[in-house]
């Protein structure tokens, strides 16, 4: 997992009286992985080895 489950649960709790379903954590993790992969590909396409915020 790329995300820290406890931090996600903590943040959701701060937003209100919510619980976190296991499917949310899996979907969020997959989405983060896709975003990071796209950012890395963009950095590579621009001839850089450092992935930065501008690649998002």
PDB file of N, CA and C in Angstrom:
ATOM      1  N   UNK A   1       0.843  -1.195   0.000  1.00  0.00           N
ATOM      2  CA  UNK A   1       0.000   0.000   0.000  1.00  0.00           C
ATOM      3  C   UNK A   1       0.879   1.246   0.000  1.00  0.00           C
ATOM      4  N   UNK A   2       0.451   2.215  -0.760  1.00  0.00           N
ATOM      5  CA  UNK A   2       1.176   3.474  -0.845  1.00  0.00           C
ATOM      6  C   UNK A   2       0.662   4.492   0.163  1.00  0.00           C
ATOM      7  N   UNK A   3      -0.566   4.285   0.607  1.00  0.00           N
ATOM      8  CA  UNK A   3      -1.145   5.233   1.551  1.00  0.00           C
ATOM      9  C   UNK A   3      -1.015   4.696   2.971  1.00  0.00           C
ATOM     10  N   UNK A   4      -1.080   5.573   3.923  1.00  0.00           N
ATOM     11  CA  UNK A   4      -1.041   5.177   5.330  1.00  0.00           C
ATOM     12  C   UNK A   4      -2.494   5.119   5.811  1.00  0.00           C
ATOM     13  N   UNK A   5      -2.961   3.898   6.011  1.00  0.00           N
ATOM     14  CA  UNK A   5      -4.371   3.697   6.338  1.00  0.00           C
ATOM     15  C   UNK A   5      -4.797   4.466   7.579  1.00  0.00           C
ATOM     16  N   UNK A   6      -3.966   4.448   8.601  1.00  0.00           N
ATOM     17  CA  UNK A   6      -4.340   5.120   9.847  1.00  0.00           C
ATOM     18  C   UNK A   6      -4.505   6.627   9.637  1.00  0.00           C
ATOM     19  N   UNK A   7      -3.677   7.200   8.771  1.00  0.00           N
ATOM     20  CA  UNK A   7      -3.773   8.645   8.505  1.00  0.00           C
ATOM     21  C   UNK A   7      -5.043   8.974   7.720  1.00  0.00           C
ATOM     22  N   UNK A   8      -5.408   8.094   6.795  1.00  0.00           N
ATOM     23  CA  UNK A   8      -6.639   8.305   6.029  1.00  0.00           C
ATOM     24  C   UNK A   8      -7.837   8.221   6.965  1.00  0.00           C
ATOM     25  N   UNK A   9      -7.847   7.205   7.812  1.00  0.00           N
ATOM     26  CA  UNK A   9      -8.945   7.042   8.769  1.00  0.00           C
ATOM     27  C   UNK A   9      -9.037   8.251   9.703  1.00  0.00           C
ATOM     28  N   UNK A  10      -7.900   8.718  10.169  1.00  0.00           N
ATOM     29  CA  UNK A  10      -7.854   9.882  11.065  1.00  0.00           C
ATOM     30  C   UNK A  10      -8.413  11.122  10.366  1.00  0.00           C
ATOM     31  N   UNK A  11      -8.009  11.321   9.115  1.00  0.00           N
ATOM     32  CA  UNK A  11      -8.476  12.490   8.367  1.00  0.00           C
ATOM     33  C   UNK A  11      -9.981  12.432   8.123  1.00  0.00           C
ATOM     34  N   UNK A  12     -10.482  11.264   7.742  1.00  0.00           N
ATOM     35  CA  UNK A  12     -11.911  11.110   7.501  1.00  0.00           C
ATOM     36  C   UNK A  12     -12.696  11.392   8.777  1.00  0.00           C
ATOM     37  N   UNK A  13     -12.180  10.952   9.896  1.00  0.00           N
ATOM     38  CA  UNK A  13     -12.842  11.190  11.179  1.00  0.00           C
ATOM     39  C   UNK A  13     -12.892  12.692  11.502  1.00  0.00           C
ATOM     40  N   UNK A  14     -11.827  13.416  11.122  1.00  0.00           N
ATOM     41  CA  UNK A  14     -11.803  14.870  11.323  1.00  0.00           C
ATOM     42  C   UNK A  14     -12.885  15.567  10.491  1.00  0.00           C
ATOM     43  N   UNK A  15     -13.249  14.974   9.372  1.00  0.00           N
ATOM     44  CA  UNK A  15     -14.255  15.568   8.487  1.00  0.00           C
ATOM     45  C   UNK A  15     -15.665  15.419   9.020  1.00  0.00           C
ATOM     46  N   UNK A  16     -15.837  14.502   9.939  1.00  0.00           N
ATOM     47  CA  UNK A  16     -17.162  14.276  10.503  1.00  0.00           C
ATOM     48  C   UNK A  16     -17.237  12.901  11.124  1.00  0.00           C
ATOM     49  N   UNK A  17     -18.413  12.506  11.512  1.00  0.00           N
ATOM     50  CA  UNK A  17     -18.614  11.218  12.166  1.00  0.00           C
ATOM     51  C   UNK A  17     -18.755  10.121  11.113  1.00  0.00           C
ATOM     52  N   UNK A  18     -17.642   9.836  10.415  1.00  0.00           N
ATOM     53  CA  UNK A  18     -17.654   8.855   9.335  1.00  0.00           C
ATOM     54  C   UNK A  18     -16.757   7.671   9.671  1.00  0.00           C
ATOM     55  N   UNK A  19     -17.067   6.553   9.048  1.00  0.00           N
ATOM     56  CA  UNK A  19     -16.217   5.374   9.114  1.00  0.00           C
ATOM     57  C   UNK A  19     -15.637   5.169   7.725  1.00  0.00           C
ATOM     58  N   UNK A  20     -14.554   4.413   7.645  1.00  0.00           N
ATOM     59  CA  UNK A  20     -13.874   4.188   6.376  1.00  0.00           C
ATOM     60  C   UNK A  20     -14.042   2.732   5.973  1.00  0.00           C
ATOM     61  N   UNK A  21     -14.605   2.523   4.795  1.00  0.00           N
ATOM     62  CA  UNK A  21     -14.750   1.169   4.269  1.00  0.00           C
ATOM     63  C   UNK A  21     -13.441   0.704   3.655  1.00  0.00           C
ATOM     64  N   UNK A  22     -13.202  -0.579   3.744  1.00  0.00           N
ATOM     65  CA  UNK A  22     -11.984  -1.147   3.170  1.00  0.00           C
ATOM     66  C   UNK A  22     -11.866  -0.899   1.682  1.00  0.00           C
ATOM     67  N   UNK A  23     -12.997  -0.836   0.983  1.00  0.00           N
ATOM     68  CA  UNK A  23     -12.958  -0.585  -0.451  1.00  0.00           C
ATOM     69  C   UNK A  23     -12.465   0.828  -0.766  1.00  0.00           C
ATOM     70  N   UNK A  24     -12.709   1.778   0.136  1.00  0.00           N
ATOM     71  CA  UNK A  24     -12.202   3.136  -0.069  1.00  0.00           C
ATOM     72  C   UNK A  24     -10.679   3.138  -0.050  1.00  0.00           C
ATOM     73  N   UNK A  25     -10.099   2.461   0.922  1.00  0.00           N
ATOM     74  CA  UNK A  25      -8.644   2.440   1.048  1.00  0.00           C
ATOM     75  C   UNK A  25      -7.993   1.802  -0.176  1.00  0.00           C
ATOM     76  N   UNK A  26      -8.561   0.715  -0.657  1.00  0.00           N
ATOM     77  CA  UNK A  26      -8.009   0.046  -1.842  1.00  0.00           C
ATOM     78  C   UNK A  26      -8.118   0.954  -3.062  1.00  0.00           C
ATOM     79  N   UNK A  27      -9.286   1.558  -3.267  1.00  0.00           N
ATOM     80  CA  UNK A  27      -9.491   2.436  -4.421  1.00  0.00           C
ATOM     81  C   UNK A  27      -8.588   3.663  -4.353  1.00  0.00           C
ATOM     82  N   UNK A  28      -8.443   4.224  -3.178  1.00  0.00           N
ATOM     83  CA  UNK A  28      -7.574   5.389  -2.999  1.00  0.00           C
ATOM     84  C   UNK A  28      -6.124   5.025  -3.296  1.00  0.00           C
ATOM     85  N   UNK A  29      -5.696   3.876  -2.817  1.00  0.00           N
ATOM     86  CA  UNK A  29      -4.331   3.414  -3.060  1.00  0.00           C
ATOM     87  C   UNK A  29      -4.077   3.231  -4.559  1.00  0.00           C
ATOM     88  N   UNK A  30      -5.031   2.649  -5.259  1.00  0.00           N
ATOM     89  CA  UNK A  30      -4.889   2.452  -6.705  1.00  0.00           C
ATOM     90  C   UNK A  30      -4.829   3.785  -7.444  1.00  0.00           C
ATOM     91  N   UNK A  31      -5.643   4.720  -7.003  1.00  0.00           N
ATOM     92  CA  UNK A  31      -5.666   6.043  -7.637  1.00  0.00           C
ATOM     93  C   UNK A  31      -4.338   6.780  -7.419  1.00  0.00           C
ATOM     94  N   UNK A  32      -3.810   6.707  -6.208  1.00  0.00           N
ATOM     95  CA  UNK A  32      -2.521   7.343  -5.909  1.00  0.00           C
ATOM     96  C   UNK A  32      -1.420   6.721  -6.752  1.00  0.00           C
ATOM     97  N   UNK A  33      -1.416   5.406  -6.873  1.00  0.00           N
ATOM     98  CA  UNK A  33      -0.402   4.716  -7.680  1.00  0.00           C
ATOM     99  C   UNK A  33      -0.463   5.181  -9.137  1.00  0.00           C
ATOM    100  N   UNK A  34      -1.666   5.323  -9.689  1.00  0.00           N
ATOM    101  CA  UNK A  34      -1.822   5.794 -11.070  1.00  0.00           C
ATOM    102  C   UNK A  34      -1.286   7.210 -11.234  1.00  0.00           C
ATOM    103  N   UNK A  35      -1.615   8.065 -10.280  1.00  0.00           N
ATOM    104  CA  UNK A  35      -1.175   9.465 -10.345  1.00  0.00           C
ATOM    105  C   UNK A  35       0.346   9.551 -10.297  1.00  0.00           C
ATOM    106  N   UNK A  36       0.960   8.777  -9.417  1.00  0.00           N
ATOM    107  CA  UNK A  36       2.415   8.797  -9.285  1.00  0.00           C
ATOM    108  C   UNK A  36       3.068   8.263 -10.562  1.00  0.00           C
ATOM    109  N   UNK A  37       2.500   7.208 -11.132  1.00  0.00           N
ATOM    110  CA  UNK A  37       3.045   6.645 -12.367  1.00  0.00           C
ATOM    111  C   UNK A  37       2.968   7.656 -13.509  1.00  0.00           C
ATOM    112  N   UNK A  38       1.844   8.337 -13.639  1.00  0.00           N
ATOM    113  CA  UNK A  38       1.703   9.362 -14.674  1.00  0.00           C
ATOM    114  C   UNK A  38       2.705  10.500 -14.476  1.00  0.00           C
ATOM    115  N   UNK A  39       2.898  10.890 -13.238  1.00  0.00           N
ATOM    116  CA  UNK A  39       3.860  11.958 -12.933  1.00  0.00           C
ATOM    117  C   UNK A  39       5.280  11.522 -13.286  1.00  0.00           C
ATOM    118  N   UNK A  40       5.625  10.284 -12.969  1.00  0.00           N
ATOM    119  CA  UNK A  40       6.960   9.776 -13.291  1.00  0.00           C
ATOM    120  C   UNK A  40       7.165   9.720 -14.803  1.00  0.00           C
ATOM    121  N   UNK A  41       6.145   9.294 -15.520  1.00  0.00           N
ATOM    122  CA  UNK A  41       6.234   9.254 -16.987  1.00  0.00           C
ATOM    123  C   UNK A  41       6.421  10.645 -17.567  1.00  0.00           C
ATOM    124  N   UNK A  42       5.753  11.615 -16.981  1.00  0.00           N
ATOM    125  CA  UNK A  42       5.882  12.997 -17.463  1.00  0.00           C
ATOM    126  C   UNK A  42       7.292  13.530 -17.212  1.00  0.00           C
ATOM    127  N   UNK A  43       7.825  13.242 -16.038  1.00  0.00           N
ATOM    128  CA  UNK A  43       9.194  13.669 -15.729  1.00  0.00           C
ATOM    129  C   UNK A  43      10.173  13.039 -16.717  1.00  0.00           C
ATOM    130  N   UNK A  44       9.992  11.760 -16.971  1.00  0.00           N
ATOM    131  CA  UNK A  44      10.869  11.051 -17.913  1.00  0.00           C
ATOM    132  C   UNK A  44      10.764  11.657 -19.308  1.00  0.00           C
ATOM    133  N   UNK A  45       9.547  11.946 -19.755  1.00  0.00           N
ATOM    134  CA  UNK A  45       9.332  12.533 -21.081  1.00  0.00           C
ATOM    135  C   UNK A  45       9.993  13.902 -21.208  1.00  0.00           C
ATOM    136  N   UNK A  46      10.138  14.575 -20.088  1.00  0.00           N
ATOM    137  CA  UNK A  46      10.777  15.894 -20.088  1.00  0.00           C
ATOM    138  C   UNK A  46      12.274  15.814 -19.791  1.00  0.00           C
ATOM    139  N   UNK A  47      12.817  14.590 -19.779  1.00  0.00           N
ATOM    140  CA  UNK A  47      14.256  14.408 -19.600  1.00  0.00           C
ATOM    141  C   UNK A  47      14.736  14.623 -18.184  1.00  0.00           C
ATOM    142  N   UNK A  48      13.848  14.450 -17.203  1.00  0.00           N
ATOM    143  CA  UNK A  48      14.237  14.634 -15.803  1.00  0.00           C
ATOM    144  C   UNK A  48      14.138  13.322 -15.051  1.00  0.00           C
ATOM    145  N   UNK A  49      14.936  13.177 -14.011  1.00  0.00           N
ATOM    146  CA  UNK A  49      14.871  12.006 -13.155  1.00  0.00           C
ATOM    147  C   UNK A  49      14.223  12.319 -11.814  1.00  0.00           C
ATOM    148  N   UNK A  50      13.839  13.557 -11.637  1.00  0.00           N
ATOM    149  CA  UNK A  50      13.176  13.971 -10.411  1.00  0.00           C
ATOM    150  C   UNK A  50      11.703  14.227 -10.703  1.00  0.00           C
ATOM    151  N   UNK A  51      10.844  13.513  -9.997  1.00  0.00           N
ATOM    152  CA  UNK A  51       9.407  13.716 -10.131  1.00  0.00           C
ATOM    153  C   UNK A  51       9.024  14.796  -9.124  1.00  0.00           C
ATOM    154  N   UNK A  52       8.373  15.840  -9.609  1.00  0.00           N
ATOM    155  CA  UNK A  52       8.024  16.956  -8.737  1.00  0.00           C
ATOM    156  C   UNK A  52       6.553  17.310  -8.881  1.00  0.00           C
ATOM    157  N   UNK A  53       6.120  18.271  -8.101  1.00  0.00           N
ATOM    158  CA  UNK A  53       4.720  18.683  -8.091  1.00  0.00           C
ATOM    159  C   UNK A  53       4.248  19.127  -9.464  1.00  0.00           C
ATOM    160  N   UNK A  54       5.105  19.702 -10.243  1.00  0.00           N
ATOM    161  CA  UNK A  54       4.708  20.183 -11.579  1.00  0.00           C
ATOM    162  C   UNK A  54       4.351  19.043 -12.518  1.00  0.00           C
ATOM    163  N   UNK A  55       4.748  17.824 -12.165  1.00  0.00           N
ATOM    164  CA  UNK A  55       4.415  16.658 -12.986  1.00  0.00           C
ATOM    165  C   UNK A  55       3.001  16.146 -12.737  1.00  0.00           C
ATOM    166  N   UNK A  56       2.375  16.653 -11.692  1.00  0.00           N
ATOM    167  CA  UNK A  56       1.007  16.265 -11.414  1.00  0.00           C
ATOM    168  C   UNK A  56       0.069  16.972 -12.355  1.00  0.00           C
TER     169      UNK A  56
END
